[in-house]
């Protein structure tokens, strides 16, 4: 795998190196997992993949590789595309009751016949390492981030902290209002006293809002949505979008244009994605510690 300096040669001072941050987090997790194992507790993550969606298969594989790197036991449940909602919920119920499983991750998206909200609610809040259960999201909305929170937004906050970026009083603009990224990212930025704007597909004159952002987070899944003339000079830009075209991944931000305007930018690939997986490892460790 190429490192950031090879992928984005000439822009190293502007690129948020997600792989480096992820490696640091994984190193911290690995040390704590080793101590926990010495005490007789082996952290374990169960993943559930429904269907043959190629990007989802890759994401699950990356998570299992990360488990191996940090010493977390991983259990891989692969279900056919035509698995019923009831069958999936039954498996989740079994894993909820399994004392040897600390974290449960259901890979999204799910087939159309399965209600993702119902699935998110079915996972025990204590094993909800994705941070999507209503009780975990509710705590986040009340300003409590001590539990299990959504991994990608948490990864963005870690990147802001490790790059020494002040959030308080800054104007943050989040483009995208999904339950997985947009809404929880907005909540975390508010928790850090940012002045916040949230935009989405129905926002009129999107560029008017994005040009005001000191911190811009884009998570829409629309390839190249944000162009160079839509970004404020010196802004910190997080590209969270992912679009797959012929086995190649693209972000929501037109990197070649925005990198010359932004102060810092998280690229695709190599930005927020690796940090998200590292946070998932950290959450699995946290869940294991709670059963110790």
C-alpha atoms as a PDB file:
ATOM      1  CA  UNK A   1       0.000   0.000   0.000  1.00  0.00           C
ATOM      2  CA  UNK A   2       1.366   3.419  -0.991  1.00  0.00           C
ATOM      3  CA  UNK A   3       1.901   5.931   1.776  1.00  0.00           C
ATOM      4  CA  UNK A   4       0.502   9.459   1.673  1.00  0.00           C
ATOM      5  CA  UNK A   5       3.761  11.016   0.464  1.00  0.00           C
ATOM      6  CA  UNK A   6       3.651   8.804  -2.635  1.00  0.00           C
ATOM      7  CA  UNK A   7      -0.067   9.235  -3.319  1.00  0.00           C
ATOM      8  CA  UNK A   8      -0.080  13.018  -2.921  1.00  0.00           C
ATOM      9  CA  UNK A   9       3.494  13.965  -3.771  1.00  0.00           C
ATOM     10  CA  UNK A  10       4.138  17.670  -3.443  1.00  0.00           C
ATOM     11  CA  UNK A  11       1.181  18.255  -1.115  1.00  0.00           C
ATOM     12  CA  UNK A  12       2.415  16.433   1.998  1.00  0.00           C
ATOM     13  CA  UNK A  13       2.193  19.610   4.101  1.00  0.00           C
ATOM     14  CA  UNK A  14      -1.481  20.042   3.179  1.00  0.00           C
ATOM     15  CA  UNK A  15      -2.739  16.475   3.432  1.00  0.00           C
ATOM     16  CA  UNK A  16      -4.223  15.041   6.626  1.00  0.00           C
ATOM     17  CA  UNK A  17      -2.489  11.679   6.837  1.00  0.00           C
ATOM     18  CA  UNK A  18      -5.234   9.337   7.992  1.00  0.00           C
ATOM     19  CA  UNK A  19      -3.021   6.284   7.686  1.00  0.00           C
ATOM     20  CA  UNK A  20      -0.497   7.732  10.128  1.00  0.00           C
ATOM     21  CA  UNK A  21      -3.210   8.628  12.654  1.00  0.00           C
ATOM     22  CA  UNK A  22      -4.783   5.184  12.250  1.00  0.00           C
ATOM     23  CA  UNK A  23      -1.427   3.518  12.856  1.00  0.00           C
ATOM     24  CA  UNK A  24      -0.968   5.536  16.057  1.00  0.00           C
ATOM     25  CA  UNK A  25      -4.444   4.594  17.326  1.00  0.00           C
ATOM     26  CA  UNK A  26      -3.948   0.937  16.446  1.00  0.00           C
ATOM     27  CA  UNK A  27      -0.633   0.932  18.293  1.00  0.00           C
ATOM     28  CA  UNK A  28      -2.344   2.266  21.416  1.00  0.00           C
ATOM     29  CA  UNK A  29      -5.137  -0.307  21.096  1.00  0.00           C
ATOM     30  CA  UNK A  30      -2.705  -3.179  20.531  1.00  0.00           C
ATOM     31  CA  UNK A  31      -0.866  -2.427  23.780  1.00  0.00           C
ATOM     32  CA  UNK A  32      -4.102  -2.358  25.794  1.00  0.00           C
ATOM     33  CA  UNK A  33      -5.440  -5.507  24.124  1.00  0.00           C
ATOM     34  CA  UNK A  34      -2.241  -7.327  25.089  1.00  0.00           C
ATOM     35  CA  UNK A  35      -2.684  -6.310  28.734  1.00  0.00           C
ATOM     36  CA  UNK A  36      -6.328  -7.390  28.651  1.00  0.00           C
ATOM     37  CA  UNK A  37      -5.413 -10.798  27.234  1.00  0.00           C
ATOM     38  CA  UNK A  38      -2.901 -11.273  30.053  1.00  0.00           C
ATOM     39  CA  UNK A  39      -5.837 -10.751  32.413  1.00  0.00           C
ATOM     40  CA  UNK A  40      -7.866 -13.445  30.663  1.00  0.00           C
ATOM     41  CA  UNK A  41     -10.101 -11.286  28.475  1.00  0.00           C
ATOM     42  CA  UNK A  42      -9.876 -11.611  24.676  1.00  0.00           C
ATOM     43  CA  UNK A  43     -11.730  -8.791  22.883  1.00  0.00           C
ATOM     44  CA  UNK A  44     -13.881 -10.047  20.006  1.00  0.00           C
ATOM     45  CA  UNK A  45     -15.679  -8.338  17.126  1.00  0.00           C
ATOM     46  CA  UNK A  46     -18.437 -10.018  15.113  1.00  0.00           C
ATOM     47  CA  UNK A  47     -19.177  -8.636  11.653  1.00  0.00           C
ATOM     48  CA  UNK A  48     -22.270  -9.355   9.570  1.00  0.00           C
ATOM     49  CA  UNK A  49     -22.283  -8.906   5.804  1.00  0.00           C
ATOM     50  CA  UNK A  50     -25.511  -9.475   3.886  1.00  0.00           C
ATOM     51  CA  UNK A  51     -25.087  -9.993   0.144  1.00  0.00           C
ATOM     52  CA  UNK A  52     -22.231  -9.589  -2.309  1.00  0.00           C
ATOM     53  CA  UNK A  53     -21.855  -5.794  -2.553  1.00  0.00           C
ATOM     54  CA  UNK A  54     -18.167  -5.519  -3.636  1.00  0.00           C
ATOM     55  CA  UNK A  55     -17.249  -2.349  -1.684  1.00  0.00           C
ATOM     56  CA  UNK A  56     -18.906  -3.753   1.446  1.00  0.00           C
ATOM     57  CA  UNK A  57     -16.931  -6.983   1.086  1.00  0.00           C
ATOM     58  CA  UNK A  58     -13.740  -4.922   0.913  1.00  0.00           C
ATOM     59  CA  UNK A  59     -14.667  -2.813   3.949  1.00  0.00           C
ATOM     60  CA  UNK A  60     -15.378  -5.912   6.027  1.00  0.00           C
ATOM     61  CA  UNK A  61     -12.078  -7.455   4.938  1.00  0.00           C
ATOM     62  CA  UNK A  62     -10.215  -4.284   5.965  1.00  0.00           C
ATOM     63  CA  UNK A  63     -11.845  -4.433   9.394  1.00  0.00           C
ATOM     64  CA  UNK A  64     -10.794  -8.042   9.888  1.00  0.00           C
ATOM     65  CA  UNK A  65      -7.239  -7.176   8.863  1.00  0.00           C
ATOM     66  CA  UNK A  66      -7.242  -4.390  11.452  1.00  0.00           C
ATOM     67  CA  UNK A  67      -8.468  -6.838  14.105  1.00  0.00           C
ATOM     68  CA  UNK A  68      -5.544  -9.107  13.288  1.00  0.00           C
ATOM     69  CA  UNK A  69      -3.067  -6.221  13.569  1.00  0.00           C
ATOM     70  CA  UNK A  70      -4.228  -5.217  17.057  1.00  0.00           C
ATOM     71  CA  UNK A  71      -4.914  -8.712  18.413  1.00  0.00           C
ATOM     72  CA  UNK A  72      -8.710  -8.610  18.487  1.00  0.00           C
ATOM     73  CA  UNK A  73     -10.485 -11.863  17.647  1.00  0.00           C
ATOM     74  CA  UNK A  74     -12.862 -11.419  14.700  1.00  0.00           C
ATOM     75  CA  UNK A  75     -15.871 -13.515  13.735  1.00  0.00           C
ATOM     76  CA  UNK A  76     -17.090 -13.187  10.146  1.00  0.00           C
ATOM     77  CA  UNK A  77     -20.781 -13.830   9.408  1.00  0.00           C
ATOM     78  CA  UNK A  78     -21.565 -13.807   5.667  1.00  0.00           C
ATOM     79  CA  UNK A  79     -25.253 -14.052   4.778  1.00  0.00           C
ATOM     80  CA  UNK A  80     -26.845 -14.403   1.320  1.00  0.00           C
ATOM     81  CA  UNK A  81     -28.575 -11.461  -0.373  1.00  0.00           C
ATOM     82  CA  UNK A  82     -32.012 -13.013   0.167  1.00  0.00           C
ATOM     83  CA  UNK A  83     -31.579 -13.332   3.943  1.00  0.00           C
ATOM     84  CA  UNK A  84     -34.824 -12.188   5.549  1.00  0.00           C
ATOM     85  CA  UNK A  85     -34.997  -9.349   8.023  1.00  0.00           C
ATOM     86  CA  UNK A  86     -36.149 -11.836  10.655  1.00  0.00           C
ATOM     87  CA  UNK A  87     -33.158 -14.106  10.062  1.00  0.00           C
ATOM     88  CA  UNK A  88     -30.759 -11.189  10.410  1.00  0.00           C
ATOM     89  CA  UNK A  89     -32.443  -9.997  13.600  1.00  0.00           C
ATOM     90  CA  UNK A  90     -32.253 -13.527  15.026  1.00  0.00           C
ATOM     91  CA  UNK A  91     -28.495 -13.654  14.415  1.00  0.00           C
ATOM     92  CA  UNK A  92     -28.065 -10.263  16.078  1.00  0.00           C
ATOM     93  CA  UNK A  93     -30.083 -11.485  19.078  1.00  0.00           C
ATOM     94  CA  UNK A  94     -27.780 -14.516  19.386  1.00  0.00           C
ATOM     95  CA  UNK A  95     -24.679 -12.325  19.267  1.00  0.00           C
ATOM     96  CA  UNK A  96     -26.183  -9.960  21.848  1.00  0.00           C
ATOM     97  CA  UNK A  97     -26.427 -12.912  24.246  1.00  0.00           C
ATOM     98  CA  UNK A  98     -22.950 -14.279  23.488  1.00  0.00           C
ATOM     99  CA  UNK A  99     -20.654 -13.254  26.352  1.00  0.00           C
ATOM    100  CA  UNK A 100     -17.599 -13.962  24.197  1.00  0.00           C
ATOM    101  CA  UNK A 101     -18.577 -11.261  21.677  1.00  0.00           C
ATOM    102  CA  UNK A 102     -17.836  -7.650  22.640  1.00  0.00           C
ATOM    103  CA  UNK A 103     -18.731  -5.788  19.468  1.00  0.00           C
ATOM    104  CA  UNK A 104     -21.282  -6.324  16.709  1.00  0.00           C
ATOM    105  CA  UNK A 105     -20.958  -4.590  13.353  1.00  0.00           C
ATOM    106  CA  UNK A 106     -23.614  -4.922  10.654  1.00  0.00           C
ATOM    107  CA  UNK A 107     -22.101  -3.698   7.388  1.00  0.00           C
ATOM    108  CA  UNK A 108     -24.172  -1.074   5.599  1.00  0.00           C
ATOM    109  CA  UNK A 109     -25.840  -0.732   3.161  1.00  0.00           C
ATOM    110  CA  UNK A 110     -28.274  -3.603   3.594  1.00  0.00           C
ATOM    111  CA  UNK A 111     -30.477  -5.089   0.855  1.00  0.00           C
ATOM    112  CA  UNK A 112     -33.611  -3.028   0.206  1.00  0.00           C
ATOM    113  CA  UNK A 113     -35.953  -5.498   1.912  1.00  0.00           C
ATOM    114  CA  UNK A 114     -34.226  -5.010   5.293  1.00  0.00           C
ATOM    115  CA  UNK A 115     -34.935  -1.913   7.413  1.00  0.00           C
ATOM    116  CA  UNK A 116     -31.550  -0.494   8.522  1.00  0.00           C
ATOM    117  CA  UNK A 117     -33.065   1.455  11.422  1.00  0.00           C
ATOM    118  CA  UNK A 118     -34.657  -1.696  12.811  1.00  0.00           C
ATOM    119  CA  UNK A 119     -31.300  -3.459  12.536  1.00  0.00           C
ATOM    120  CA  UNK A 120     -29.431  -0.620  14.270  1.00  0.00           C
ATOM    121  CA  UNK A 121     -31.935  -0.728  17.136  1.00  0.00           C
ATOM    122  CA  UNK A 122     -31.563  -4.504  17.463  1.00  0.00           C
ATOM    123  CA  UNK A 123     -27.863  -4.403  18.359  1.00  0.00           C
ATOM    124  CA  UNK A 124     -27.247  -4.181  22.104  1.00  0.00           C
ATOM    125  CA  UNK A 125     -26.105  -0.624  22.986  1.00  0.00           C
ATOM    126  CA  UNK A 126     -23.194  -2.145  24.932  1.00  0.00           C
ATOM    127  CA  UNK A 127     -21.989  -3.990  21.798  1.00  0.00           C
ATOM    128  CA  UNK A 128     -22.876  -1.241  19.312  1.00  0.00           C
ATOM    129  CA  UNK A 129     -19.296  -0.454  18.280  1.00  0.00           C
ATOM    130  CA  UNK A 130     -20.603   1.503  15.274  1.00  0.00           C
ATOM    131  CA  UNK A 131     -22.359   3.879  17.690  1.00  0.00           C
ATOM    132  CA  UNK A 132     -25.661   3.877  15.780  1.00  0.00           C
ATOM    133  CA  UNK A 133     -28.090   2.648  18.456  1.00  0.00           C
ATOM    134  CA  UNK A 134     -30.619   5.351  19.474  1.00  0.00           C
ATOM    135  CA  UNK A 135     -29.437   5.277  23.091  1.00  0.00           C
ATOM    136  CA  UNK A 136     -25.816   5.872  22.055  1.00  0.00           C
ATOM    137  CA  UNK A 137     -26.828   8.565  19.569  1.00  0.00           C
ATOM    138  CA  UNK A 138     -29.042  10.150  22.225  1.00  0.00           C
ATOM    139  CA  UNK A 139     -26.148  10.404  24.667  1.00  0.00           C
ATOM    140  CA  UNK A 140     -24.082  12.040  21.941  1.00  0.00           C
ATOM    141  CA  UNK A 141     -26.813  14.595  21.245  1.00  0.00           C
ATOM    142  CA  UNK A 142     -26.788  15.450  24.964  1.00  0.00           C
ATOM    143  CA  UNK A 143     -23.057  16.138  24.770  1.00  0.00           C
ATOM    144  CA  UNK A 144     -21.857  12.834  26.241  1.00  0.00           C
ATOM    145  CA  UNK A 145     -19.155  11.271  24.053  1.00  0.00           C
ATOM    146  CA  UNK A 146     -17.786   8.940  26.728  1.00  0.00           C
ATOM    147  CA  UNK A 147     -19.572   5.886  25.325  1.00  0.00           C
ATOM    148  CA  UNK A 148     -19.774   4.362  21.853  1.00  0.00           C
ATOM    149  CA  UNK A 149     -20.250   7.047  19.199  1.00  0.00           C
ATOM    150  CA  UNK A 150     -20.239   6.820  15.378  1.00  0.00           C
ATOM    151  CA  UNK A 151     -16.721   5.964  14.218  1.00  0.00           C
ATOM    152  CA  UNK A 152     -16.256   8.304  11.252  1.00  0.00           C
ATOM    153  CA  UNK A 153     -17.294  11.490  13.103  1.00  0.00           C
ATOM    154  CA  UNK A 154     -15.108  10.439  16.034  1.00  0.00           C
ATOM    155  CA  UNK A 155     -12.242   9.946  13.594  1.00  0.00           C
ATOM    156  CA  UNK A 156     -12.720  13.468  12.250  1.00  0.00           C
ATOM    157  CA  UNK A 157     -12.564  14.868  15.795  1.00  0.00           C
ATOM    158  CA  UNK A 158      -9.373  12.907  16.474  1.00  0.00           C
ATOM    159  CA  UNK A 159      -7.799  14.282  13.283  1.00  0.00           C
ATOM    160  CA  UNK A 160      -8.734  17.840  14.276  1.00  0.00           C
ATOM    161  CA  UNK A 161      -7.165  17.307  17.684  1.00  0.00           C
ATOM    162  CA  UNK A 162      -3.974  15.637  16.450  1.00  0.00           C
ATOM    163  CA  UNK A 163      -3.400  18.357  13.864  1.00  0.00           C
ATOM    164  CA  UNK A 164      -3.943  21.048  16.510  1.00  0.00           C
ATOM    165  CA  UNK A 165      -6.948  22.608  14.780  1.00  0.00           C
ATOM    166  CA  UNK A 166      -9.029  24.878  17.011  1.00  0.00           C
ATOM    167  CA  UNK A 167     -12.768  24.214  16.694  1.00  0.00           C
ATOM    168  CA  UNK A 168     -14.261  26.553  19.281  1.00  0.00           C
ATOM    169  CA  UNK A 169     -15.726  29.649  17.665  1.00  0.00           C
ATOM    170  CA  UNK A 170     -14.863  28.493  14.137  1.00  0.00           C
ATOM    171  CA  UNK A 171     -17.540  28.251  11.466  1.00  0.00           C
ATOM    172  CA  UNK A 172     -18.013  24.581  10.594  1.00  0.00           C
ATOM    173  CA  UNK A 173     -20.127  23.516   7.621  1.00  0.00           C
ATOM    174  CA  UNK A 174     -21.284  19.911   7.256  1.00  0.00           C
ATOM    175  CA  UNK A 175     -22.561  18.907   3.819  1.00  0.00           C
ATOM    176  CA  UNK A 176     -24.727  15.816   4.231  1.00  0.00           C
ATOM    177  CA  UNK A 177     -27.155  14.945   7.032  1.00  0.00           C
ATOM    178  CA  UNK A 178     -27.083  11.159   7.258  1.00  0.00           C
ATOM    179  CA  UNK A 179     -27.486   9.372  10.580  1.00  0.00           C
ATOM    180  CA  UNK A 180     -24.100   7.719  10.059  1.00  0.00           C
ATOM    181  CA  UNK A 181     -21.905  10.763   9.348  1.00  0.00           C
ATOM    182  CA  UNK A 182     -23.631  14.115   8.884  1.00  0.00           C
ATOM    183  CA  UNK A 183     -25.810  14.384  11.989  1.00  0.00           C
ATOM    184  CA  UNK A 184     -23.332  12.933  14.503  1.00  0.00           C
ATOM    185  CA  UNK A 185     -20.488  15.022  13.038  1.00  0.00           C
ATOM    186  CA  UNK A 186     -22.632  18.125  13.470  1.00  0.00           C
ATOM    187  CA  UNK A 187     -23.352  17.143  17.081  1.00  0.00           C
ATOM    188  CA  UNK A 188     -19.665  16.619  17.871  1.00  0.00           C
ATOM    189  CA  UNK A 189     -18.723  19.966  16.348  1.00  0.00           C
ATOM    190  CA  UNK A 190     -21.431  21.662  18.420  1.00  0.00           C
ATOM    191  CA  UNK A 191     -20.108  19.876  21.507  1.00  0.00           C
ATOM    192  CA  UNK A 192     -16.790  21.619  20.779  1.00  0.00           C
ATOM    193  CA  UNK A 193     -18.490  25.023  20.463  1.00  0.00           C
ATOM    194  CA  UNK A 194     -18.213  25.464  16.704  1.00  0.00           C
ATOM    195  CA  UNK A 195     -20.651  27.752  14.923  1.00  0.00           C
ATOM    196  CA  UNK A 196     -22.461  25.250  12.753  1.00  0.00           C
ATOM    197  CA  UNK A 197     -24.240  25.082   9.404  1.00  0.00           C
ATOM    198  CA  UNK A 198     -25.643  21.831   8.009  1.00  0.00           C
ATOM    199  CA  UNK A 199     -26.323  21.565   4.278  1.00  0.00           C
ATOM    200  CA  UNK A 200     -27.865  18.797   2.174  1.00  0.00           C
ATOM    201  CA  UNK A 201     -29.366  18.001  -1.212  1.00  0.00           C
ATOM    202  CA  UNK A 202     -32.127  20.588  -0.757  1.00  0.00           C
ATOM    203  CA  UNK A 203     -29.815  23.444   0.252  1.00  0.00           C
ATOM    204  CA  UNK A 204     -30.042  26.390  -2.139  1.00  0.00           C
ATOM    205  CA  UNK A 205     -26.779  27.939  -3.358  1.00  0.00           C
ATOM    206  CA  UNK A 206     -24.530  25.386  -1.664  1.00  0.00           C
ATOM    207  CA  UNK A 207     -21.344  27.249  -2.564  1.00  0.00           C
ATOM    208  CA  UNK A 208     -22.550  30.312  -0.621  1.00  0.00           C
ATOM    209  CA  UNK A 209     -22.442  28.207   2.536  1.00  0.00           C
ATOM    210  CA  UNK A 210     -19.300  26.184   1.835  1.00  0.00           C
ATOM    211  CA  UNK A 211     -17.272  29.332   1.115  1.00  0.00           C
ATOM    212  CA  UNK A 212     -17.951  30.496   4.683  1.00  0.00           C
ATOM    213  CA  UNK A 213     -16.523  27.364   6.287  1.00  0.00           C
ATOM    214  CA  UNK A 214     -13.360  27.403   8.366  1.00  0.00           C
ATOM    215  CA  UNK A 215     -13.933  23.653   8.740  1.00  0.00           C
ATOM    216  CA  UNK A 216     -15.749  21.872   5.903  1.00  0.00           C
ATOM    217  CA  UNK A 217     -16.953  18.273   6.208  1.00  0.00           C
ATOM    218  CA  UNK A 218     -18.433  16.716   3.069  1.00  0.00           C
ATOM    219  CA  UNK A 219     -20.296  13.398   3.205  1.00  0.00           C
ATOM    220  CA  UNK A 220     -22.776  13.043   0.346  1.00  0.00           C
ATOM    221  CA  UNK A 221     -21.484  10.310  -1.948  1.00  0.00           C
ATOM    222  CA  UNK A 222     -21.577  12.713  -4.906  1.00  0.00           C
ATOM    223  CA  UNK A 223     -18.279  12.482  -6.782  1.00  0.00           C
ATOM    224  CA  UNK A 224     -16.476  15.814  -7.143  1.00  0.00           C
ATOM    225  CA  UNK A 225     -19.307  17.848  -5.609  1.00  0.00           C
ATOM    226  CA  UNK A 226     -16.985  20.399  -3.998  1.00  0.00           C
ATOM    227  CA  UNK A 227     -14.825  22.358  -6.434  1.00  0.00           C
ATOM    228  CA  UNK A 228     -11.988  24.777  -5.782  1.00  0.00           C
ATOM    229  CA  UNK A 229     -14.151  27.893  -6.088  1.00  0.00           C
ATOM    230  CA  UNK A 230     -16.487  26.583  -3.361  1.00  0.00           C
ATOM    231  CA  UNK A 231     -13.864  26.594  -0.598  1.00  0.00           C
ATOM    232  CA  UNK A 232     -12.582  29.408   1.595  1.00  0.00           C
ATOM    233  CA  UNK A 233      -8.849  30.088   1.434  1.00  0.00           C
ATOM    234  CA  UNK A 234      -7.102  28.232   4.245  1.00  0.00           C
ATOM    235  CA  UNK A 235     -10.101  26.099   5.228  1.00  0.00           C
ATOM    236  CA  UNK A 236      -9.713  22.637   6.745  1.00  0.00           C
ATOM    237  CA  UNK A 237     -11.556  20.190   4.467  1.00  0.00           C
ATOM    238  CA  UNK A 238     -12.635  16.644   5.342  1.00  0.00           C
ATOM    239  CA  UNK A 239     -13.720  14.529   2.379  1.00  0.00           C
ATOM    240  CA  UNK A 240     -15.818  11.664   3.743  1.00  0.00           C
ATOM    241  CA  UNK A 241     -17.594  10.750   0.507  1.00  0.00           C
ATOM    242  CA  UNK A 242     -16.943   7.504  -1.310  1.00  0.00           C
ATOM    243  CA  UNK A 243     -17.952   6.693  -4.876  1.00  0.00           C
ATOM    244  CA  UNK A 244     -16.726   3.534  -6.603  1.00  0.00           C
ATOM    245  CA  UNK A 245     -16.245   3.605 -10.382  1.00  0.00           C
ATOM    246  CA  UNK A 246     -14.610   0.583 -12.028  1.00  0.00           C
ATOM    247  CA  UNK A 247     -12.705  -0.512  -8.910  1.00  0.00           C
ATOM    248  CA  UNK A 248     -11.446   2.986  -8.197  1.00  0.00           C
ATOM    249  CA  UNK A 249     -12.613   5.126  -5.285  1.00  0.00           C
ATOM    250  CA  UNK A 250     -13.410   8.841  -5.549  1.00  0.00           C
ATOM    251  CA  UNK A 251     -14.342  11.413  -2.933  1.00  0.00           C
ATOM    252  CA  UNK A 252     -16.883  14.236  -2.793  1.00  0.00           C
ATOM    253  CA  UNK A 253     -14.119  16.843  -3.078  1.00  0.00           C
ATOM    254  CA  UNK A 254     -12.262  17.588  -6.314  1.00  0.00           C
ATOM    255  CA  UNK A 255      -8.845  17.169  -4.725  1.00  0.00           C
ATOM    256  CA  UNK A 256      -6.778  18.621  -7.584  1.00  0.00           C
ATOM    257  CA  UNK A 257      -8.669  21.925  -7.321  1.00  0.00           C
ATOM    258  CA  UNK A 258      -9.304  22.178  -3.583  1.00  0.00           C
ATOM    259  CA  UNK A 259      -5.792  21.262  -2.401  1.00  0.00           C
ATOM    260  CA  UNK A 260      -4.462  24.584  -3.726  1.00  0.00           C
ATOM    261  CA  UNK A 261      -7.079  26.546  -1.772  1.00  0.00           C
ATOM    262  CA  UNK A 262      -7.420  24.611   1.479  1.00  0.00           C
ATOM    263  CA  UNK A 263      -5.109  24.902   4.449  1.00  0.00           C
ATOM    264  CA  UNK A 264      -5.481  21.178   5.125  1.00  0.00           C
ATOM    265  CA  UNK A 265      -7.439  18.452   3.358  1.00  0.00           C
ATOM    266  CA  UNK A 266      -8.218  14.830   4.144  1.00  0.00           C
ATOM    267  CA  UNK A 267      -8.014  12.954   0.838  1.00  0.00           C
ATOM    268  CA  UNK A 268      -9.764   9.912  -0.595  1.00  0.00           C
ATOM    269  CA  UNK A 269      -8.170   7.404  -0.249  1.00  0.00           C
ATOM    270  CA  UNK A 270      -5.933   7.656   2.804  1.00  0.00           C
ATOM    271  CA  UNK A 271      -7.842  10.215   4.846  1.00  0.00           C
ATOM    272  CA  UNK A 272     -10.812   9.583   7.111  1.00  0.00           C
ATOM    273  CA  UNK A 273     -11.311   5.928   6.085  1.00  0.00           C
ATOM    274  CA  UNK A 274      -8.308   4.400   7.888  1.00  0.00           C
ATOM    275  CA  UNK A 275      -9.050   6.438  11.027  1.00  0.00           C
ATOM    276  CA  UNK A 276     -12.637   5.155  11.035  1.00  0.00           C
ATOM    277  CA  UNK A 277     -11.432   1.548  11.138  1.00  0.00           C
ATOM    278  CA  UNK A 278      -8.916   2.349  13.883  1.00  0.00           C
ATOM    279  CA  UNK A 279     -11.692   3.948  15.961  1.00  0.00           C
ATOM    280  CA  UNK A 280     -13.741   0.771  15.465  1.00  0.00           C
ATOM    281  CA  UNK A 281     -10.862  -1.189  17.007  1.00  0.00           C
ATOM    282  CA  UNK A 282     -10.760   1.264  19.905  1.00  0.00           C
ATOM    283  CA  UNK A 283     -14.506   0.873  20.432  1.00  0.00           C
ATOM    284  CA  UNK A 284     -14.242  -2.919  20.463  1.00  0.00           C
ATOM    285  CA  UNK A 285     -11.568  -2.627  23.140  1.00  0.00           C
ATOM    286  CA  UNK A 286     -13.795  -0.239  25.110  1.00  0.00           C
ATOM    287  CA  UNK A 287     -16.689  -2.705  24.920  1.00  0.00           C
ATOM    288  CA  UNK A 288     -14.399  -5.520  26.099  1.00  0.00           C
ATOM    289  CA  UNK A 289     -13.205  -3.455  29.046  1.00  0.00           C
ATOM    290  CA  UNK A 290     -16.811  -2.956  30.123  1.00  0.00           C
ATOM    291  CA  UNK A 291     -17.308  -6.734  30.538  1.00  0.00           C
ATOM    292  CA  UNK A 292     -14.021  -7.242  32.374  1.00  0.00           C
END
